[in-house]
Amino acid sequence: MTIKDKLSSRKFWLSAAAFLSSLGISIAGFTTENEAIAVIGVVCSAISAAIYAACEAVIDKAAVTKTEETETEEI
């Protein structure tokens, strides 16, 4: 998958939006000295990145499996 494909991916933009909004929540928590909000923002930022990575791993695994099946059928 090329960078152009990644930038046109809805999953990528949804993940980026979730990360940025969580980061904004975290910054708001730090500026208002509300530690609970700050921690929630940091945790949600990490979770959004992890979910995107997991989704890409599942898609990559499916693509590899499909390629292996196609190569096996050709032999």
PDB file of N, CA and C in Angstrom:
ATOM      1  N   MET A   1       0.852  -1.173   0.000  1.00  0.00           N
ATOM      2  CA  MET A   1       0.000   0.000   0.000  1.00  0.00           C
ATOM      3  C   MET A   1       0.902   1.242   0.000  1.00  0.00           C
ATOM      4  N   THR A   2       0.632   2.142  -0.910  1.00  0.00           N
ATOM      5  CA  THR A   2       1.442   3.342  -1.029  1.00  0.00           C
ATOM      6  C   THR A   2       0.957   4.426  -0.072  1.00  0.00           C
ATOM      7  N   ILE A   3       1.755   5.472   0.038  1.00  0.00           N
ATOM      8  CA  ILE A   3       1.373   6.591   0.901  1.00  0.00           C
ATOM      9  C   ILE A   3       0.095   7.242   0.374  1.00  0.00           C
ATOM     10  N   LYS A   4      -0.053   7.302  -0.941  1.00  0.00           N
ATOM     11  CA  LYS A   4      -1.265   7.881  -1.532  1.00  0.00           C
ATOM     12  C   LYS A   4      -2.499   7.082  -1.106  1.00  0.00           C
ATOM     13  N   ASP A   5      -2.361   5.756  -1.072  1.00  0.00           N
ATOM     14  CA  ASP A   5      -3.480   4.915  -0.634  1.00  0.00           C
ATOM     15  C   ASP A   5      -3.803   5.158   0.830  1.00  0.00           C
ATOM     16  N   LYS A   6      -2.755   5.310   1.656  1.00  0.00           N
ATOM     17  CA  LYS A   6      -2.978   5.559   3.082  1.00  0.00           C
ATOM     18  C   LYS A   6      -3.689   6.888   3.286  1.00  0.00           C
ATOM     19  N   LEU A   7      -3.260   7.927   2.539  1.00  0.00           N
ATOM     20  CA  LEU A   7      -3.866   9.246   2.713  1.00  0.00           C
ATOM     21  C   LEU A   7      -5.291   9.312   2.190  1.00  0.00           C
ATOM     22  N   SER A   8      -5.678   8.409   1.330  1.00  0.00           N
ATOM     23  CA  SER A   8      -7.057   8.396   0.844  1.00  0.00           C
ATOM     24  C   SER A   8      -7.923   7.417   1.640  1.00  0.00           C
ATOM     25  N   SER A   9      -7.357   6.806   2.670  1.00  0.00           N
ATOM     26  CA  SER A   9      -8.074   5.828   3.473  1.00  0.00           C
ATOM     27  C   SER A   9      -8.975   6.520   4.506  1.00  0.00           C
ATOM     28  N   ARG A  10     -10.234   6.126   4.537  1.00  0.00           N
ATOM     29  CA  ARG A  10     -11.155   6.669   5.542  1.00  0.00           C
ATOM     30  C   ARG A  10     -10.752   6.234   6.946  1.00  0.00           C
ATOM     31  N   LYS A  11     -10.208   5.006   7.059  1.00  0.00           N
ATOM     32  CA  LYS A  11      -9.754   4.539   8.376  1.00  0.00           C
ATOM     33  C   LYS A  11      -8.659   5.438   8.924  1.00  0.00           C
ATOM     34  N   PHE A  12      -7.737   5.841   8.050  1.00  0.00           N
ATOM     35  CA  PHE A  12      -6.642   6.702   8.474  1.00  0.00           C
ATOM     36  C   PHE A  12      -7.161   8.051   8.963  1.00  0.00           C
ATOM     37  N   TRP A  13      -8.053   8.669   8.199  1.00  0.00           N
ATOM     38  CA  TRP A  13      -8.558   9.980   8.584  1.00  0.00           C
ATOM     39  C   TRP A  13      -9.427   9.913   9.833  1.00  0.00           C
ATOM     40  N   LEU A  14     -10.178   8.850   9.985  1.00  0.00           N
ATOM     41  CA  LEU A  14     -10.967   8.679  11.203  1.00  0.00           C
ATOM     42  C   LEU A  14     -10.054   8.509  12.409  1.00  0.00           C
ATOM     43  N   SER A  15      -9.007   7.739  12.243  1.00  0.00           N
ATOM     44  CA  SER A  15      -8.041   7.552  13.319  1.00  0.00           C
ATOM     45  C   SER A  15      -7.319   8.853  13.645  1.00  0.00           C
ATOM     46  N   ALA A  16      -6.945   9.607  12.622  1.00  0.00           N
ATOM     47  CA  ALA A  16      -6.272  10.888  12.846  1.00  0.00           C
ATOM     48  C   ALA A  16      -7.189  11.868  13.577  1.00  0.00           C
ATOM     49  N   ALA A  17      -8.463  11.894  13.189  1.00  0.00           N
ATOM     50  CA  ALA A  17      -9.420  12.773  13.862  1.00  0.00           C
ATOM     51  C   ALA A  17      -9.613  12.371  15.315  1.00  0.00           C
ATOM     52  N   ALA A  18      -9.710  11.073  15.569  1.00  0.00           N
ATOM     53  CA  ALA A  18      -9.860  10.597  16.946  1.00  0.00           C
ATOM     54  C   ALA A  18      -8.631  10.943  17.774  1.00  0.00           C
ATOM     55  N   PHE A  19      -7.454  10.779  17.178  1.00  0.00           N
ATOM     56  CA  PHE A  19      -6.216  11.104  17.882  1.00  0.00           C
ATOM     57  C   PHE A  19      -6.152  12.593  18.207  1.00  0.00           C
ATOM     58  N   LEU A  20      -6.454  13.433  17.226  1.00  0.00           N
ATOM     59  CA  LEU A  20      -6.371  14.878  17.445  1.00  0.00           C
ATOM     60  C   LEU A  20      -7.410  15.373  18.445  1.00  0.00           C
ATOM     61  N   SER A  21      -8.613  14.822  18.397  1.00  0.00           N
ATOM     62  CA  SER A  21      -9.619  15.242  19.376  1.00  0.00           C
ATOM     63  C   SER A  21      -9.246  14.772  20.776  1.00  0.00           C
ATOM     64  N   SER A  22      -8.692  13.584  20.885  1.00  0.00           N
ATOM     65  CA  SER A  22      -8.238  13.098  22.191  1.00  0.00           C
ATOM     66  C   SER A  22      -7.077  13.935  22.702  1.00  0.00           C
ATOM     67  N   LEU A  23      -6.204  14.334  21.797  1.00  0.00           N
ATOM     68  CA  LEU A  23      -5.092  15.195  22.176  1.00  0.00           C
ATOM     69  C   LEU A  23      -5.610  16.547  22.657  1.00  0.00           C
ATOM     70  N   GLY A  24      -6.618  17.074  21.979  1.00  0.00           N
ATOM     71  CA  GLY A  24      -7.234  18.328  22.412  1.00  0.00           C
ATOM     72  C   GLY A  24      -7.863  18.214  23.786  1.00  0.00           C
ATOM     73  N   ILE A  25      -8.526  17.098  24.045  1.00  0.00           N
ATOM     74  CA  ILE A  25      -9.114  16.862  25.362  1.00  0.00           C
ATOM     75  C   ILE A  25      -8.016  16.801  26.420  1.00  0.00           C
ATOM     76  N   SER A  26      -6.930  16.151  26.096  1.00  0.00           N
ATOM     77  CA  SER A  26      -5.815  16.045  27.021  1.00  0.00           C
ATOM     78  C   SER A  26      -5.227  17.417  27.337  1.00  0.00           C
ATOM     79  N   ILE A  27      -5.029  18.224  26.311  1.00  0.00           N
ATOM     80  CA  ILE A  27      -4.493  19.575  26.518  1.00  0.00           C
ATOM     81  C   ILE A  27      -5.453  20.410  27.360  1.00  0.00           C
ATOM     82  N   ALA A  28      -6.741  20.278  27.089  1.00  0.00           N
ATOM     83  CA  ALA A  28      -7.733  21.002  27.895  1.00  0.00           C
ATOM     84  C   ALA A  28      -7.679  20.562  29.351  1.00  0.00           C
ATOM     85  N   GLY A  29      -7.468  19.276  29.565  1.00  0.00           N
ATOM     86  CA  GLY A  29      -7.340  18.780  30.937  1.00  0.00           C
ATOM     87  C   GLY A  29      -6.125  19.339  31.642  1.00  0.00           C
ATOM     88  N   PHE A  30      -5.017  19.453  30.904  1.00  0.00           N
ATOM     89  CA  PHE A  30      -3.799  20.013  31.499  1.00  0.00           C
ATOM     90  C   PHE A  30      -3.959  21.496  31.801  1.00  0.00           C
ATOM     91  N   THR A  31      -4.586  22.245  30.890  1.00  0.00           N
ATOM     92  CA  THR A  31      -4.730  23.690  31.106  1.00  0.00           C
ATOM     93  C   THR A  31      -5.709  24.024  32.221  1.00  0.00           C
ATOM     94  N   THR A  32      -6.711  23.193  32.413  1.00  0.00           N
ATOM     95  CA  THR A  32      -7.673  23.431  33.494  1.00  0.00           C
ATOM     96  C   THR A  32      -7.262  22.715  34.778  1.00  0.00           C
ATOM     97  N   GLU A  33      -6.122  22.058  34.728  1.00  0.00           N
ATOM     98  CA  GLU A  33      -5.590  21.298  35.874  1.00  0.00           C
ATOM     99  C   GLU A  33      -6.555  20.208  36.338  1.00  0.00           C
ATOM    100  N   ASN A  34      -7.276  19.631  35.406  1.00  0.00           N
ATOM    101  CA  ASN A  34      -8.166  18.512  35.691  1.00  0.00           C
ATOM    102  C   ASN A  34      -7.434  17.241  35.246  1.00  0.00           C
ATOM    103  N   GLU A  35      -6.823  16.570  36.202  1.00  0.00           N
ATOM    104  CA  GLU A  35      -5.989  15.410  35.879  1.00  0.00           C
ATOM    105  C   GLU A  35      -6.773  14.259  35.258  1.00  0.00           C
ATOM    106  N   ALA A  36      -8.011  14.071  35.673  1.00  0.00           N
ATOM    107  CA  ALA A  36      -8.818  12.971  35.141  1.00  0.00           C
ATOM    108  C   ALA A  36      -9.052  13.160  33.644  1.00  0.00           C
ATOM    109  N   ILE A  37      -9.395  14.371  33.231  1.00  0.00           N
ATOM    110  CA  ILE A  37      -9.623  14.645  31.808  1.00  0.00           C
ATOM    111  C   ILE A  37      -8.325  14.493  31.027  1.00  0.00           C
ATOM    112  N   ALA A  38      -7.228  14.959  31.597  1.00  0.00           N
ATOM    113  CA  ALA A  38      -5.929  14.852  30.925  1.00  0.00           C
ATOM    114  C   ALA A  38      -5.551  13.395  30.701  1.00  0.00           C
ATOM    115  N   VAL A  39      -5.750  12.558  31.692  1.00  0.00           N
ATOM    116  CA  VAL A  39      -5.421  11.139  31.576  1.00  0.00           C
ATOM    117  C   VAL A  39      -6.330  10.459  30.551  1.00  0.00           C
ATOM    118  N   ILE A  40      -7.604  10.787  30.585  1.00  0.00           N
ATOM    119  CA  ILE A  40      -8.544  10.211  29.610  1.00  0.00           C
ATOM    120  C   ILE A  40      -8.117  10.572  28.191  1.00  0.00           C
ATOM    121  N   GLY A  41      -7.712  11.804  27.968  1.00  0.00           N
ATOM    122  CA  GLY A  41      -7.259  12.228  26.650  1.00  0.00           C
ATOM    123  C   GLY A  41      -6.031  11.476  26.187  1.00  0.00           C
ATOM    124  N   VAL A  42      -5.065  11.293  27.078  1.00  0.00           N
ATOM    125  CA  VAL A  42      -3.842  10.563  26.728  1.00  0.00           C
ATOM    126  C   VAL A  42      -4.163   9.103  26.410  1.00  0.00           C
ATOM    127  N   VAL A  43      -4.975   8.480  27.225  1.00  0.00           N
ATOM    128  CA  VAL A  43      -5.327   7.078  27.015  1.00  0.00           C
ATOM    129  C   VAL A  43      -6.098   6.900  25.697  1.00  0.00           C
ATOM    130  N   CYS A  44      -7.044   7.779  25.443  1.00  0.00           N
ATOM    131  CA  CYS A  44      -7.813   7.672  24.195  1.00  0.00           C
ATOM    132  C   CYS A  44      -6.940   7.913  22.970  1.00  0.00           C
ATOM    133  N   SER A  45      -5.937   8.780  23.081  1.00  0.00           N
ATOM    134  CA  SER A  45      -4.999   8.999  21.976  1.00  0.00           C
ATOM    135  C   SER A  45      -4.255   7.712  21.652  1.00  0.00           C
ATOM    136  N   ALA A  46      -3.770   7.049  22.687  1.00  0.00           N
ATOM    137  CA  ALA A  46      -3.033   5.797  22.488  1.00  0.00           C
ATOM    138  C   ALA A  46      -3.954   4.708  21.932  1.00  0.00           C
ATOM    139  N   ILE A  47      -5.163   4.639  22.435  1.00  0.00           N
ATOM    140  CA  ILE A  47      -6.106   3.614  21.980  1.00  0.00           C
ATOM    141  C   ILE A  47      -6.478   3.819  20.511  1.00  0.00           C
ATOM    142  N   SER A  48      -6.673   5.072  20.087  1.00  0.00           N
ATOM    143  CA  SER A  48      -7.039   5.309  18.683  1.00  0.00           C
ATOM    144  C   SER A  48      -5.918   4.871  17.748  1.00  0.00           C
ATOM    145  N   ALA A  49      -4.670   5.099  18.149  1.00  0.00           N
ATOM    146  CA  ALA A  49      -3.539   4.650  17.327  1.00  0.00           C
ATOM    147  C   ALA A  49      -3.457   3.122  17.311  1.00  0.00           C
ATOM    148  N   ALA A  50      -3.712   2.496  18.440  1.00  0.00           N
ATOM    149  CA  ALA A  50      -3.658   1.033  18.518  1.00  0.00           C
ATOM    150  C   ALA A  50      -4.769   0.384  17.684  1.00  0.00           C
ATOM    151  N   ILE A  51      -5.940   0.965  17.707  1.00  0.00           N
ATOM    152  CA  ILE A  51      -7.050   0.421  16.919  1.00  0.00           C
ATOM    153  C   ILE A  51      -6.743   0.529  15.429  1.00  0.00           C
ATOM    154  N   TYR A  52      -6.167   1.649  14.999  1.00  0.00           N
ATOM    155  CA  TYR A  52      -5.811   1.800  13.583  1.00  0.00           C
ATOM    156  C   TYR A  52      -4.769   0.758  13.184  1.00  0.00           C
ATOM    157  N   ALA A  53      -3.764   0.564  14.035  1.00  0.00           N
ATOM    158  CA  ALA A  53      -2.726  -0.428  13.737  1.00  0.00           C
ATOM    159  C   ALA A  53      -3.317  -1.835  13.660  1.00  0.00           C
ATOM    160  N   ALA A  54      -4.245  -2.153  14.556  1.00  0.00           N
ATOM    161  CA  ALA A  54      -4.873  -3.469  14.543  1.00  0.00           C
ATOM    162  C   ALA A  54      -5.714  -3.667  13.278  1.00  0.00           C
ATOM    163  N   CYS A  55      -6.441  -2.641  12.867  1.00  0.00           N
ATOM    164  CA  CYS A  55      -7.244  -2.746  11.640  1.00  0.00           C
ATOM    165  C   CYS A  55      -6.356  -2.953  10.420  1.00  0.00           C
ATOM    166  N   GLU A  56      -5.259  -2.229  10.339  1.00  0.00           N
ATOM    167  CA  GLU A  56      -4.335  -2.398   9.218  1.00  0.00           C
ATOM    168  C   GLU A  56      -3.710  -3.792   9.226  1.00  0.00           C
ATOM    169  N   ALA A  57      -3.420  -4.330  10.408  1.00  0.00           N
ATOM    170  CA  ALA A  57      -2.860  -5.679  10.491  1.00  0.00           C
ATOM    171  C   ALA A  57      -3.843  -6.719   9.977  1.00  0.00           C
ATOM    172  N   VAL A  58      -5.108  -6.570  10.322  1.00  0.00           N
ATOM    173  CA  VAL A  58      -6.137  -7.505   9.851  1.00  0.00           C
ATOM    174  C   VAL A  58      -6.264  -7.426   8.329  1.00  0.00           C
ATOM    175  N   ILE A  59      -6.259  -6.217   7.798  1.00  0.00           N
ATOM    176  CA  ILE A  59      -6.369  -6.041   6.348  1.00  0.00           C
ATOM    177  C   ILE A  59      -5.151  -6.626   5.642  1.00  0.00           C
ATOM    178  N   ASP A  60      -3.961  -6.381   6.178  1.00  0.00           N
ATOM    179  CA  ASP A  60      -2.740  -6.930   5.577  1.00  0.00           C
ATOM    180  C   ASP A  60      -2.743  -8.456   5.609  1.00  0.00           C
ATOM    181  N   LYS A  61      -3.219  -9.034   6.713  1.00  0.00           N
ATOM    182  CA  LYS A  61      -3.276 -10.487   6.819  1.00  0.00           C
ATOM    183  C   LYS A  61      -4.236 -11.060   5.778  1.00  0.00           C
ATOM    184  N   ALA A  62      -5.371 -10.408   5.597  1.00  0.00           N
ATOM    185  CA  ALA A  62      -6.342 -10.873   4.601  1.00  0.00           C
ATOM    186  C   ALA A  62      -5.752 -10.783   3.192  1.00  0.00           C
ATOM    187  N   ALA A  63      -5.004  -9.735   2.916  1.00  0.00           N
ATOM    188  CA  ALA A  63      -4.397  -9.581   1.599  1.00  0.00           C
ATOM    189  C   ALA A  63      -3.345 -10.658   1.349  1.00  0.00           C
ATOM    190  N   VAL A  64      -2.549 -10.978   2.376  1.00  0.00           N
ATOM    191  CA  VAL A  64      -1.532 -12.021   2.234  1.00  0.00           C
ATOM    192  C   VAL A  64      -2.192 -13.379   2.029  1.00  0.00           C
ATOM    193  N   THR A  65      -3.233 -13.660   2.776  1.00  0.00           N
ATOM    194  CA  THR A  65      -3.948 -14.926   2.644  1.00  0.00           C
ATOM    195  C   THR A  65      -4.543 -15.061   1.249  1.00  0.00           C
ATOM    196  N   LYS A  66      -5.132 -13.986   0.737  1.00  0.00           N
ATOM    197  CA  LYS A  66      -5.720 -14.011  -0.594  1.00  0.00           C
ATOM    198  C   LYS A  66      -4.639 -14.240  -1.654  1.00  0.00           C
ATOM    199  N   THR A  67      -3.481 -13.610  -1.488  1.00  0.00           N
ATOM    200  CA  THR A  67      -2.374 -13.781  -2.428  1.00  0.00           C
ATOM    201  C   THR A  67      -1.856 -15.212  -2.398  1.00  0.00           C
ATOM    202  N   GLU A  68      -1.731 -15.790  -1.207  1.00  0.00           N
ATOM    203  CA  GLU A  68      -1.260 -17.168  -1.085  1.00  0.00           C
ATOM    204  C   GLU A  68      -2.240 -18.139  -1.731  1.00  0.00           C
ATOM    205  N   GLU A  69      -3.540 -17.915  -1.560  1.00  0.00           N
ATOM    206  CA  GLU A  69      -4.553 -18.779  -2.160  1.00  0.00           C
ATOM    207  C   GLU A  69      -4.488 -18.693  -3.678  1.00  0.00           C
ATOM    208  N   THR A  70      -4.296 -17.482  -4.189  1.00  0.00           N
ATOM    209  CA  THR A  70      -4.211 -17.306  -5.653  1.00  0.00           C
ATOM    210  C   THR A  70      -2.978 -18.008  -6.215  1.00  0.00           C
ATOM    211  N   GLU A  71      -1.849 -17.890  -5.529  1.00  0.00           N
ATOM    212  CA  GLU A  71      -0.623 -18.540  -5.983  1.00  0.00           C
ATOM    213  C   GLU A  71      -0.747 -20.066  -5.930  1.00  0.00           C
ATOM    214  N   THR A  72      -1.434 -20.586  -4.918  1.00  0.00           N
ATOM    215  CA  THR A  72      -1.620 -22.020  -4.784  1.00  0.00           C
ATOM    216  C   THR A  72      -2.503 -22.550  -5.926  1.00  0.00           C
ATOM    217  N   GLU A  73      -3.540 -21.797  -6.290  1.00  0.00           N
ATOM    218  CA  GLU A  73      -4.439 -22.216  -7.368  1.00  0.00           C
ATOM    219  C   GLU A  73      -3.742 -22.217  -8.722  1.00  0.00           C
ATOM    220  N   GLU A  74      -2.759 -21.328  -8.918  1.00  0.00           N
ATOM    221  CA  GLU A  74      -2.051 -21.229 -10.190  1.00  0.00           C
ATOM    222  C   GLU A  74      -1.106 -22.408 -10.397  1.00  0.00           C
ATOM    223  N   ILE A  75      -0.645 -23.013  -9.320  1.00  0.00           N
ATOM    224  CA  ILE A  75       0.302 -24.117  -9.433  1.00  0.00           C
ATOM    225  C   ILE A  75      -0.417 -25.347  -9.814  1.00  0.00           C
TER     226      ILE A  75
END
